[in-house]
């Protein structure tokens, strides 16, 4: 399996946590001060929100609950990387905003 993010191709195992994969491989998962102020992967802050294209785990209750609160939206295409397991090849895109909820792309799978 492969995760493609910020111009990197990262090999991983089925069921690996997406947040861990990205951080262990030097991907800039957090925007601005969220690098310092985040929940460290327990799913309560929402700052690791990314757009995912590929096979991943179903949305769990932590992801669904946090993204139901502003500035996120339960209908957005974003997922919390900390609550997502990789189940196949995945392409990841990061948006601007403290919580990654913005409309401008920060990085894509290719760059």
C-alpha atoms as a PDB file:
ATOM      1  CA  UNK A   1       0.000   0.000   0.000  1.00  0.00           C
ATOM      2  CA  UNK A   2       1.052   3.553  -0.658  1.00  0.00           C
ATOM      3  CA  UNK A   3       0.152   6.971   0.735  1.00  0.00           C
ATOM      4  CA  UNK A   4       0.914   9.876  -1.592  1.00  0.00           C
ATOM      5  CA  UNK A   5       1.135  13.291   0.088  1.00  0.00           C
ATOM      6  CA  UNK A   6       3.130  16.497  -0.392  1.00  0.00           C
ATOM      7  CA  UNK A   7       5.154  14.963  -3.222  1.00  0.00           C
ATOM      8  CA  UNK A   8       6.127  11.852  -1.265  1.00  0.00           C
ATOM      9  CA  UNK A   9       5.221   8.224  -1.898  1.00  0.00           C
ATOM     10  CA  UNK A  10       5.102   6.383   1.411  1.00  0.00           C
ATOM     11  CA  UNK A  11       4.805   2.619   1.767  1.00  0.00           C
ATOM     12  CA  UNK A  12       2.621   1.459   4.628  1.00  0.00           C
ATOM     13  CA  UNK A  13       0.758  -1.526   6.023  1.00  0.00           C
ATOM     14  CA  UNK A  14      -2.973  -2.272   5.874  1.00  0.00           C
ATOM     15  CA  UNK A  15      -4.645  -0.600   8.867  1.00  0.00           C
ATOM     16  CA  UNK A  16      -1.868   1.913   9.621  1.00  0.00           C
ATOM     17  CA  UNK A  17      -3.018   5.216  11.130  1.00  0.00           C
ATOM     18  CA  UNK A  18      -2.862   7.988   8.514  1.00  0.00           C
ATOM     19  CA  UNK A  19      -1.728  10.705  10.963  1.00  0.00           C
ATOM     20  CA  UNK A  20       1.175   8.577  12.151  1.00  0.00           C
ATOM     21  CA  UNK A  21       2.235   7.727   8.591  1.00  0.00           C
ATOM     22  CA  UNK A  22       2.239  11.390   7.548  1.00  0.00           C
ATOM     23  CA  UNK A  23       4.092  12.696  10.603  1.00  0.00           C
ATOM     24  CA  UNK A  24       6.690   9.900  10.596  1.00  0.00           C
ATOM     25  CA  UNK A  25       7.528  10.819   7.007  1.00  0.00           C
ATOM     26  CA  UNK A  26       7.930  14.571   7.447  1.00  0.00           C
ATOM     27  CA  UNK A  27       4.604  15.642   5.947  1.00  0.00           C
ATOM     28  CA  UNK A  28       3.369  19.079   7.106  1.00  0.00           C
ATOM     29  CA  UNK A  29       0.058  17.858   8.520  1.00  0.00           C
ATOM     30  CA  UNK A  30      -0.651  20.889  10.701  1.00  0.00           C
ATOM     31  CA  UNK A  31      -1.085  24.524   9.622  1.00  0.00           C
ATOM     32  CA  UNK A  32       0.499  27.369  11.621  1.00  0.00           C
ATOM     33  CA  UNK A  33       0.214  27.109  15.406  1.00  0.00           C
ATOM     34  CA  UNK A  34      -1.705  23.845  15.098  1.00  0.00           C
ATOM     35  CA  UNK A  35       1.785  22.264  14.912  1.00  0.00           C
ATOM     36  CA  UNK A  36       2.082  23.086  18.620  1.00  0.00           C
ATOM     37  CA  UNK A  37      -1.554  23.199  19.720  1.00  0.00           C
ATOM     38  CA  UNK A  38      -3.221  19.922  18.720  1.00  0.00           C
ATOM     39  CA  UNK A  39      -4.723  16.949  20.532  1.00  0.00           C
ATOM     40  CA  UNK A  40      -1.877  14.574  19.563  1.00  0.00           C
ATOM     41  CA  UNK A  41      -4.188  12.189  17.751  1.00  0.00           C
ATOM     42  CA  UNK A  42      -7.141  11.611  20.050  1.00  0.00           C
ATOM     43  CA  UNK A  43      -9.638  13.186  17.643  1.00  0.00           C
ATOM     44  CA  UNK A  44     -10.788  16.182  19.664  1.00  0.00           C
ATOM     45  CA  UNK A  45      -9.165  19.206  17.990  1.00  0.00           C
ATOM     46  CA  UNK A  46      -9.823  18.661  14.272  1.00  0.00           C
ATOM     47  CA  UNK A  47      -6.575  20.285  13.083  1.00  0.00           C
ATOM     48  CA  UNK A  48      -5.402  17.207  11.156  1.00  0.00           C
ATOM     49  CA  UNK A  49      -8.312  17.430   8.694  1.00  0.00           C
ATOM     50  CA  UNK A  50      -7.350  16.390   5.166  1.00  0.00           C
ATOM     51  CA  UNK A  51      -9.043  15.399   1.935  1.00  0.00           C
ATOM     52  CA  UNK A  52      -8.499  11.725   1.170  1.00  0.00           C
ATOM     53  CA  UNK A  53      -8.882   9.931  -2.126  1.00  0.00           C
ATOM     54  CA  UNK A  54      -8.558   6.175  -1.764  1.00  0.00           C
ATOM     55  CA  UNK A  55      -9.513   3.289   0.439  1.00  0.00           C
ATOM     56  CA  UNK A  56      -9.676   4.124   4.139  1.00  0.00           C
ATOM     57  CA  UNK A  57     -11.664   3.066   7.196  1.00  0.00           C
ATOM     58  CA  UNK A  58     -15.253   4.175   7.702  1.00  0.00           C
ATOM     59  CA  UNK A  59     -15.814   7.426   9.598  1.00  0.00           C
ATOM     60  CA  UNK A  60     -15.803   6.670  13.328  1.00  0.00           C
ATOM     61  CA  UNK A  61     -17.766   8.504  16.030  1.00  0.00           C
ATOM     62  CA  UNK A  62     -14.833  10.752  17.056  1.00  0.00           C
ATOM     63  CA  UNK A  63     -14.273  11.940  13.497  1.00  0.00           C
ATOM     64  CA  UNK A  64     -17.999  12.423  12.896  1.00  0.00           C
ATOM     65  CA  UNK A  65     -18.513  14.251  16.208  1.00  0.00           C
ATOM     66  CA  UNK A  66     -15.571  16.655  15.814  1.00  0.00           C
ATOM     67  CA  UNK A  67     -16.406  17.475  12.207  1.00  0.00           C
ATOM     68  CA  UNK A  68     -20.011  18.240  13.204  1.00  0.00           C
ATOM     69  CA  UNK A  69     -18.716  21.292  15.130  1.00  0.00           C
ATOM     70  CA  UNK A  70     -17.556  24.613  13.624  1.00  0.00           C
ATOM     71  CA  UNK A  71     -15.468  25.487  11.791  1.00  0.00           C
ATOM     72  CA  UNK A  72     -15.840  22.015  10.289  1.00  0.00           C
ATOM     73  CA  UNK A  73     -18.972  20.696   8.637  1.00  0.00           C
ATOM     74  CA  UNK A  74     -20.279  17.117   8.721  1.00  0.00           C
ATOM     75  CA  UNK A  75     -21.000  17.383   4.999  1.00  0.00           C
ATOM     76  CA  UNK A  76     -17.455  18.389   4.010  1.00  0.00           C
ATOM     77  CA  UNK A  77     -15.166  16.042   2.114  1.00  0.00           C
ATOM     78  CA  UNK A  78     -12.535  16.197   4.872  1.00  0.00           C
ATOM     79  CA  UNK A  79     -11.518  13.495   7.328  1.00  0.00           C
ATOM     80  CA  UNK A  80      -9.418  13.589  10.490  1.00  0.00           C
ATOM     81  CA  UNK A  81      -6.108  11.879   9.695  1.00  0.00           C
ATOM     82  CA  UNK A  82      -5.765  10.762  13.330  1.00  0.00           C
ATOM     83  CA  UNK A  83      -8.995   8.759  13.126  1.00  0.00           C
ATOM     84  CA  UNK A  84      -8.373   7.234   9.698  1.00  0.00           C
ATOM     85  CA  UNK A  85      -6.850   3.845   8.912  1.00  0.00           C
ATOM     86  CA  UNK A  86      -5.264   3.205   5.531  1.00  0.00           C
ATOM     87  CA  UNK A  87      -6.875   0.219   3.774  1.00  0.00           C
ATOM     88  CA  UNK A  88      -5.474   0.720   0.262  1.00  0.00           C
ATOM     89  CA  UNK A  89      -3.603   3.243  -1.855  1.00  0.00           C
ATOM     90  CA  UNK A  90      -4.402   6.777  -0.684  1.00  0.00           C
ATOM     91  CA  UNK A  91      -3.852  10.295  -2.022  1.00  0.00           C
ATOM     92  CA  UNK A  92      -3.967  13.144   0.519  1.00  0.00           C
ATOM     93  CA  UNK A  93      -4.594  16.893   0.065  1.00  0.00           C
ATOM     94  CA  UNK A  94      -4.257  19.560   2.792  1.00  0.00           C
ATOM     95  CA  UNK A  95      -6.189  22.856   2.858  1.00  0.00           C
ATOM     96  CA  UNK A  96      -5.450  26.135   4.643  1.00  0.00           C
ATOM     97  CA  UNK A  97      -7.004  27.419   7.856  1.00  0.00           C
ATOM     98  CA  UNK A  98      -6.036  26.547  11.419  1.00  0.00           C
ATOM     99  CA  UNK A  99      -8.160  23.391  11.301  1.00  0.00           C
ATOM    100  CA  UNK A 100      -7.357  22.633   7.667  1.00  0.00           C
ATOM    101  CA  UNK A 101     -10.929  23.591   6.791  1.00  0.00           C
ATOM    102  CA  UNK A 102     -10.109  26.400   4.350  1.00  0.00           C
ATOM    103  CA  UNK A 103     -10.712  26.572   0.619  1.00  0.00           C
ATOM    104  CA  UNK A 104      -7.118  27.094  -0.552  1.00  0.00           C
ATOM    105  CA  UNK A 105      -4.902  24.066  -1.119  1.00  0.00           C
ATOM    106  CA  UNK A 106      -1.704  24.032   0.966  1.00  0.00           C
ATOM    107  CA  UNK A 107      -0.329  20.862  -0.617  1.00  0.00           C
ATOM    108  CA  UNK A 108      -1.522  18.094  -2.894  1.00  0.00           C
ATOM    109  CA  UNK A 109      -0.460  14.484  -3.327  1.00  0.00           C
ATOM    110  CA  UNK A 110       2.045  15.624  -5.967  1.00  0.00           C
ATOM    111  CA  UNK A 111       3.466  18.765  -4.335  1.00  0.00           C
END
